[in-house]
Each structure stands twice: as C-alpha cells, then as structure tokens.
PDB file of all heavy atoms in Angstrom:
ATOM      1  N   MET A   1     -10.937 -22.932 -20.141  1.00  0.00           N
ATOM      2  CA  MET A   1     -10.022 -22.016 -20.382  1.00  0.00           C
ATOM      3  C   MET A   1      -8.768 -22.599 -20.827  1.00  0.00           C
ATOM      4  O   MET A   1      -8.522 -23.865 -20.869  1.00  0.00           O
ATOM      5  CB  MET A   1      -9.698 -21.317 -18.945  1.00  0.00           C
ATOM      6  CG  MET A   1      -9.147 -22.145 -17.984  1.00  0.00           C
ATOM      7  SD  MET A   1      -9.418 -21.695 -16.196  1.00  0.00           S
ATOM      8  CE  MET A   1     -11.264 -22.046 -16.124  1.00  0.00           C
ATOM      9  N   VAL A   2      -7.788 -21.750 -21.240  1.00  0.00           N
ATOM     10  CA  VAL A   2      -6.367 -22.248 -21.596  1.00  0.00           C
ATOM     11  C   VAL A   2      -5.503 -21.741 -20.386  1.00  0.00           C
ATOM     12  O   VAL A   2      -5.524 -20.421 -20.186  1.00  0.00           O
ATOM     13  CB  VAL A   2      -5.966 -21.679 -22.941  1.00  0.00           C
ATOM     14  CG1 VAL A   2      -4.598 -22.146 -23.149  1.00  0.00           C
ATOM     15  CG2 VAL A   2      -6.879 -22.155 -24.003  1.00  0.00           C
ATOM     16  N   ILE A   3      -4.675 -22.637 -19.824  1.00  0.00           N
ATOM     17  CA  ILE A   3      -3.757 -22.164 -18.763  1.00  0.00           C
ATOM     18  C   ILE A   3      -2.370 -22.250 -19.234  1.00  0.00           C
ATOM     19  O   ILE A   3      -1.972 -23.357 -19.813  1.00  0.00           O
ATOM     20  CB  ILE A   3      -3.883 -22.943 -17.446  1.00  0.00           C
ATOM     21  CG1 ILE A   3      -5.294 -23.032 -16.966  1.00  0.00           C
ATOM     22  CG2 ILE A   3      -2.868 -22.585 -16.373  1.00  0.00           C
ATOM     23  CD1 ILE A   3      -5.705 -24.027 -15.963  1.00  0.00           C
ATOM     24  N   GLU A   4      -1.624 -21.101 -19.233  1.00  0.00           N
ATOM     25  CA  GLU A   4      -0.345 -21.058 -19.715  1.00  0.00           C
ATOM     26  C   GLU A   4       0.613 -20.997 -18.626  1.00  0.00           C
ATOM     27  O   GLU A   4       0.418 -20.283 -17.646  1.00  0.00           O
ATOM     28  CB  GLU A   4      -0.036 -19.918 -20.867  1.00  0.00           C
ATOM     29  CG  GLU A   4      -0.988 -19.900 -22.006  1.00  0.00           C
ATOM     30  CD  GLU A   4      -0.840 -18.680 -22.992  1.00  0.00           C
ATOM     31  OE1 GLU A   4      -0.205 -17.709 -22.521  1.00  0.00           O
ATOM     32  OE2 GLU A   4      -1.008 -18.878 -24.192  1.00  0.00           O
ATOM     33  N   ASN A   5       1.811 -21.748 -18.903  1.00  0.00           N
ATOM     34  CA  ASN A   5       2.846 -21.697 -17.844  1.00  0.00           C
ATOM     35  C   ASN A   5       4.189 -21.164 -18.618  1.00  0.00           C
ATOM     36  O   ASN A   5       4.713 -21.901 -19.331  1.00  0.00           O
ATOM     37  CB  ASN A   5       3.123 -23.076 -17.346  1.00  0.00           C
ATOM     38  CG  ASN A   5       4.217 -23.199 -16.248  1.00  0.00           C
ATOM     39  OD1 ASN A   5       4.800 -22.114 -16.000  1.00  0.00           O
ATOM     40  ND2 ASN A   5       4.471 -24.314 -15.727  1.00  0.00           N
ATOM     41  N   ALA A   6       4.447 -19.954 -18.268  1.00  0.00           N
ATOM     42  CA  ALA A   6       5.788 -19.390 -18.809  1.00  0.00           C
ATOM     43  C   ALA A   6       6.987 -19.598 -18.068  1.00  0.00           C
ATOM     44  O   ALA A   6       8.138 -19.255 -18.323  1.00  0.00           O
ATOM     45  CB  ALA A   6       5.693 -17.813 -18.994  1.00  0.00           C
ATOM     46  N   GLY A   7       6.840 -20.390 -16.879  1.00  0.00           N
ATOM     47  CA  GLY A   7       7.949 -20.831 -16.094  1.00  0.00           C
ATOM     48  C   GLY A   7       8.823 -21.761 -16.501  1.00  0.00           C
ATOM     49  O   GLY A   7       8.486 -22.525 -17.561  1.00  0.00           O
ATOM     50  N   ASP A   8       9.994 -21.994 -15.918  1.00  0.00           N
ATOM     51  CA  ASP A   8      10.904 -22.999 -16.207  1.00  0.00           C
ATOM     52  C   ASP A   8      10.633 -24.307 -15.730  1.00  0.00           C
ATOM     53  O   ASP A   8      11.277 -25.364 -15.884  1.00  0.00           O
ATOM     54  CB  ASP A   8      12.355 -22.568 -15.844  1.00  0.00           C
ATOM     55  CG  ASP A   8      12.801 -21.364 -16.642  1.00  0.00           C
ATOM     56  OD1 ASP A   8      12.434 -21.246 -17.757  1.00  0.00           O
ATOM     57  OD2 ASP A   8      13.622 -20.501 -16.111  1.00  0.00           O
ATOM     58  N   ALA A   9       9.674 -24.512 -14.713  1.00  0.00           N
ATOM     59  CA  ALA A   9       9.188 -25.720 -14.050  1.00  0.00           C
ATOM     60  C   ALA A   9       7.868 -26.074 -14.417  1.00  0.00           C
ATOM     61  O   ALA A   9       6.888 -25.158 -14.459  1.00  0.00           O
ATOM     62  CB  ALA A   9       9.501 -25.496 -12.616  1.00  0.00           C
ATOM     63  N   ASP A  10       7.547 -27.301 -14.525  1.00  0.00           N
ATOM     64  CA  ASP A  10       6.195 -27.800 -14.578  1.00  0.00           C
ATOM     65  C   ASP A  10       5.336 -27.370 -13.298  1.00  0.00           C
ATOM     66  O   ASP A  10       5.935 -27.135 -12.378  1.00  0.00           O
ATOM     67  CB  ASP A  10       6.133 -29.259 -14.678  1.00  0.00           C
ATOM     68  CG  ASP A  10       6.716 -29.789 -15.969  1.00  0.00           C
ATOM     69  OD1 ASP A  10       7.123 -28.936 -16.960  1.00  0.00           O
ATOM     70  OD2 ASP A  10       6.949 -31.055 -16.178  1.00  0.00           O
ATOM     71  N   ASP A  11       4.174 -27.117 -13.397  1.00  0.00           N
ATOM     72  CA  ASP A  11       3.320 -26.906 -12.405  1.00  0.00           C
ATOM     73  C   ASP A  11       2.036 -27.823 -12.465  1.00  0.00           C
ATOM     74  O   ASP A  11       1.837 -28.496 -13.513  1.00  0.00           O
ATOM     75  CB  ASP A  11       2.800 -25.467 -12.321  1.00  0.00           C
ATOM     76  CG  ASP A  11       2.550 -24.879 -10.839  1.00  0.00           C
ATOM     77  OD1 ASP A  11       2.286 -25.764  -9.979  1.00  0.00           O
ATOM     78  OD2 ASP A  11       2.637 -23.720 -10.654  1.00  0.00           O
ATOM     79  N   GLN A  12       1.199 -27.812 -11.352  1.00  0.00           N
ATOM     80  CA  GLN A  12      -0.022 -28.591 -11.352  1.00  0.00           C
ATOM     81  C   GLN A  12      -1.095 -27.834 -10.825  1.00  0.00           C
ATOM     82  O   GLN A  12      -1.118 -27.359  -9.746  1.00  0.00           O
ATOM     83  CB  GLN A  12       0.289 -29.849 -10.494  1.00  0.00           C
ATOM     84  CG  GLN A  12      -0.665 -30.883 -10.390  1.00  0.00           C
ATOM     85  CD  GLN A  12      -0.599 -31.888 -11.566  1.00  0.00           C
ATOM     86  OE1 GLN A  12       0.425 -31.922 -12.160  1.00  0.00           O
ATOM     87  NE2 GLN A  12      -1.544 -32.806 -11.535  1.00  0.00           N
ATOM     88  N   LEU A  13      -2.258 -27.804 -11.552  1.00  0.00           N
ATOM     89  CA  LEU A  13      -3.436 -27.259 -11.015  1.00  0.00           C
ATOM     90  C   LEU A  13      -4.033 -28.372 -10.206  1.00  0.00           C
ATOM     91  O   LEU A  13      -4.352 -29.453 -10.673  1.00  0.00           O
ATOM     92  CB  LEU A  13      -4.466 -26.943 -12.279  1.00  0.00           C
ATOM     93  CG  LEU A  13      -5.774 -26.447 -11.837  1.00  0.00           C
ATOM     94  CD1 LEU A  13      -5.709 -25.212 -11.081  1.00  0.00           C
ATOM     95  CD2 LEU A  13      -6.763 -26.255 -13.112  1.00  0.00           C
ATOM     96  N   ILE A  14      -4.211 -27.907  -8.919  1.00  0.00           N
ATOM     97  CA  ILE A  14      -4.587 -29.006  -7.837  1.00  0.00           C
ATOM     98  C   ILE A  14      -5.989 -28.607  -7.252  1.00  0.00           C
ATOM     99  O   ILE A  14      -6.491 -29.525  -6.588  1.00  0.00           O
ATOM    100  CB  ILE A  14      -3.534 -29.129  -6.798  1.00  0.00           C
ATOM    101  CG1 ILE A  14      -3.252 -27.783  -6.084  1.00  0.00           C
ATOM    102  CG2 ILE A  14      -2.322 -29.668  -7.377  1.00  0.00           C
ATOM    103  CD1 ILE A  14      -2.295 -27.879  -4.800  1.00  0.00           C
ATOM    104  N   ASP A  15      -6.449 -27.468  -7.489  1.00  0.00           N
ATOM    105  CA  ASP A  15      -7.811 -27.090  -6.714  1.00  0.00           C
ATOM    106  C   ASP A  15      -8.382 -25.965  -7.550  1.00  0.00           C
ATOM    107  O   ASP A  15      -7.762 -25.074  -8.191  1.00  0.00           O
ATOM    108  CB  ASP A  15      -7.663 -26.912  -5.332  1.00  0.00           C
ATOM    109  CG  ASP A  15      -8.828 -26.921  -4.530  1.00  0.00           C
ATOM    110  OD1 ASP A  15      -9.943 -27.509  -5.050  1.00  0.00           O
ATOM    111  OD2 ASP A  15      -8.961 -26.542  -3.388  1.00  0.00           O
ATOM    112  N   ALA A  16      -9.718 -25.751  -7.338  1.00  0.00           N
ATOM    113  CA  ALA A  16     -10.404 -24.588  -7.667  1.00  0.00           C
ATOM    114  C   ALA A  16     -11.562 -24.281  -6.618  1.00  0.00           C
ATOM    115  O   ALA A  16     -11.996 -25.216  -6.100  1.00  0.00           O
ATOM    116  CB  ALA A  16     -11.078 -24.901  -9.123  1.00  0.00           C
ATOM    117  N   LYS A  17     -11.850 -22.984  -6.507  1.00  0.00           N
ATOM    118  CA  LYS A  17     -12.761 -22.521  -5.532  1.00  0.00           C
ATOM    119  C   LYS A  17     -13.603 -21.347  -6.106  1.00  0.00           C
ATOM    120  O   LYS A  17     -13.072 -20.552  -6.848  1.00  0.00           O
ATOM    121  CB  LYS A  17     -11.959 -22.105  -4.250  1.00  0.00           C
ATOM    122  CG  LYS A  17     -11.316 -23.058  -3.507  1.00  0.00           C
ATOM    123  CD  LYS A  17     -10.750 -22.408  -2.360  1.00  0.00           C
ATOM    124  CE  LYS A  17      -9.397 -22.981  -1.860  1.00  0.00           C
ATOM    125  NZ  LYS A  17      -8.254 -22.901  -2.687  1.00  0.00           N
ATOM    126  N   SER A  18     -14.967 -21.300  -5.753  1.00  0.00           N
ATOM    127  CA  SER A  18     -15.717 -20.144  -6.120  1.00  0.00           C
ATOM    128  C   SER A  18     -16.898 -20.129  -5.131  1.00  0.00           C
ATOM    129  O   SER A  18     -17.379 -21.176  -4.760  1.00  0.00           O
ATOM    130  CB  SER A  18     -16.235 -20.368  -7.542  1.00  0.00           C
ATOM    131  OG  SER A  18     -17.050 -19.085  -7.876  1.00  0.00           O
ATOM    132  N   ASP A  19     -17.341 -19.046  -4.715  1.00  0.00           N
ATOM    133  CA  ASP A  19     -18.503 -18.869  -3.946  1.00  0.00           C
ATOM    134  C   ASP A  19     -19.841 -19.132  -4.439  1.00  0.00           C
ATOM    135  O   ASP A  19     -20.841 -19.151  -3.700  1.00  0.00           O
ATOM    136  CB  ASP A  19     -18.495 -17.342  -3.422  1.00  0.00           C
ATOM    137  CG  ASP A  19     -17.323 -17.011  -2.449  1.00  0.00           C
ATOM    138  OD1 ASP A  19     -16.686 -17.901  -1.862  1.00  0.00           O
ATOM    139  OD2 ASP A  19     -17.114 -15.847  -2.274  1.00  0.00           O
ATOM    140  N   ILE A  20     -19.757 -19.279  -5.862  1.00  0.00           N
ATOM    141  CA  ILE A  20     -21.096 -19.558  -6.491  1.00  0.00           C
ATOM    142  C   ILE A  20     -21.639 -20.962  -6.317  1.00  0.00           C
ATOM    143  O   ILE A  20     -22.758 -21.198  -6.491  1.00  0.00           O
ATOM    144  CB  ILE A  20     -21.102 -19.160  -7.928  1.00  0.00           C
ATOM    145  CG1 ILE A  20     -20.139 -20.086  -8.755  1.00  0.00           C
ATOM    146  CG2 ILE A  20     -20.733 -17.767  -8.260  1.00  0.00           C
ATOM    147  CD1 ILE A  20     -20.400 -20.173 -10.300  1.00  0.00           C
ATOM    148  N   ALA A  21     -20.715 -22.016  -5.836  1.00  0.00           N
ATOM    149  CA  ALA A  21     -21.173 -23.377  -5.772  1.00  0.00           C
ATOM    150  C   ALA A  21     -20.840 -23.897  -4.420  1.00  0.00           C
ATOM    151  O   ALA A  21     -19.718 -23.526  -3.846  1.00  0.00           O
ATOM    152  CB  ALA A  21     -20.582 -24.051  -6.921  1.00  0.00           C
ATOM    153  N   ALA A  22     -21.501 -24.816  -3.983  1.00  0.00           N
ATOM    154  CA  ALA A  22     -21.184 -25.589  -2.660  1.00  0.00           C
ATOM    155  C   ALA A  22     -20.037 -26.489  -2.989  1.00  0.00           C
ATOM    156  O   ALA A  22     -19.175 -26.698  -2.009  1.00  0.00           O
ATOM    157  CB  ALA A  22     -22.417 -26.433  -2.344  1.00  0.00           C
ATOM    158  N   LYS A  23     -19.841 -26.954  -4.232  1.00  0.00           N
ATOM    159  CA  LYS A  23     -18.653 -27.832  -4.481  1.00  0.00           C
ATOM    160  C   LYS A  23     -18.079 -27.371  -5.767  1.00  0.00           C
ATOM    161  O   LYS A  23     -18.801 -27.301  -6.716  1.00  0.00           O
ATOM    162  CB  LYS A  23     -19.265 -29.301  -4.391  1.00  0.00           C
ATOM    163  CG  LYS A  23     -18.119 -30.248  -4.348  1.00  0.00           C
ATOM    164  CD  LYS A  23     -18.927 -31.763  -4.290  1.00  0.00           C
ATOM    165  CE  LYS A  23     -17.787 -32.718  -3.621  1.00  0.00           C
ATOM    166  NZ  LYS A  23     -18.573 -34.039  -3.508  1.00  0.00           N
ATOM    167  N   VAL A  24     -16.810 -27.338  -5.841  1.00  0.00           N
ATOM    168  CA  VAL A  24     -16.007 -27.023  -7.085  1.00  0.00           C
ATOM    169  C   VAL A  24     -14.940 -28.047  -7.268  1.00  0.00           C
ATOM    170  O   VAL A  24     -14.199 -28.298  -6.309  1.00  0.00           O
ATOM    171  CB  VAL A  24     -15.425 -25.656  -7.111  1.00  0.00           C
ATOM    172  CG1 VAL A  24     -14.758 -25.341  -8.367  1.00  0.00           C
ATOM    173  CG2 VAL A  24     -16.492 -24.589  -6.772  1.00  0.00           C
ATOM    174  N   GLU A  25     -14.876 -28.837  -8.374  1.00  0.00           N
ATOM    175  CA  GLU A  25     -13.926 -29.873  -8.505  1.00  0.00           C
ATOM    176  C   GLU A  25     -13.409 -29.771  -9.842  1.00  0.00           C
ATOM    177  O   GLU A  25     -13.930 -29.198 -10.956  1.00  0.00           O
ATOM    178  CB  GLU A  25     -14.610 -31.177  -8.331  1.00  0.00           C
ATOM    179  CG  GLU A  25     -15.063 -31.630  -7.046  1.00  0.00           C
ATOM    180  CD  GLU A  25     -15.654 -33.036  -6.837  1.00  0.00           C
ATOM    181  OE1 GLU A  25     -16.098 -33.565  -7.892  1.00  0.00           O
ATOM    182  OE2 GLU A  25     -15.778 -33.401  -5.704  1.00  0.00           O
TER     183      GLU A  25
END
C-alpha cells in the first residue's frame, strides 16, 4: 500500500494486526 501523512509531524508505522494470520509483521 501507499501510506500518506498529511500531518505536520513525522509518524512511524510500528505494528500491524489481522485475524487472518497467527503472526503479522
């Protein structure tokens, strides 16, 4: 995907979760 940040501060994608998998990284 493409993640856009329209905010005035940097951000950090730090985790992801989904019920379809035992482990998401």
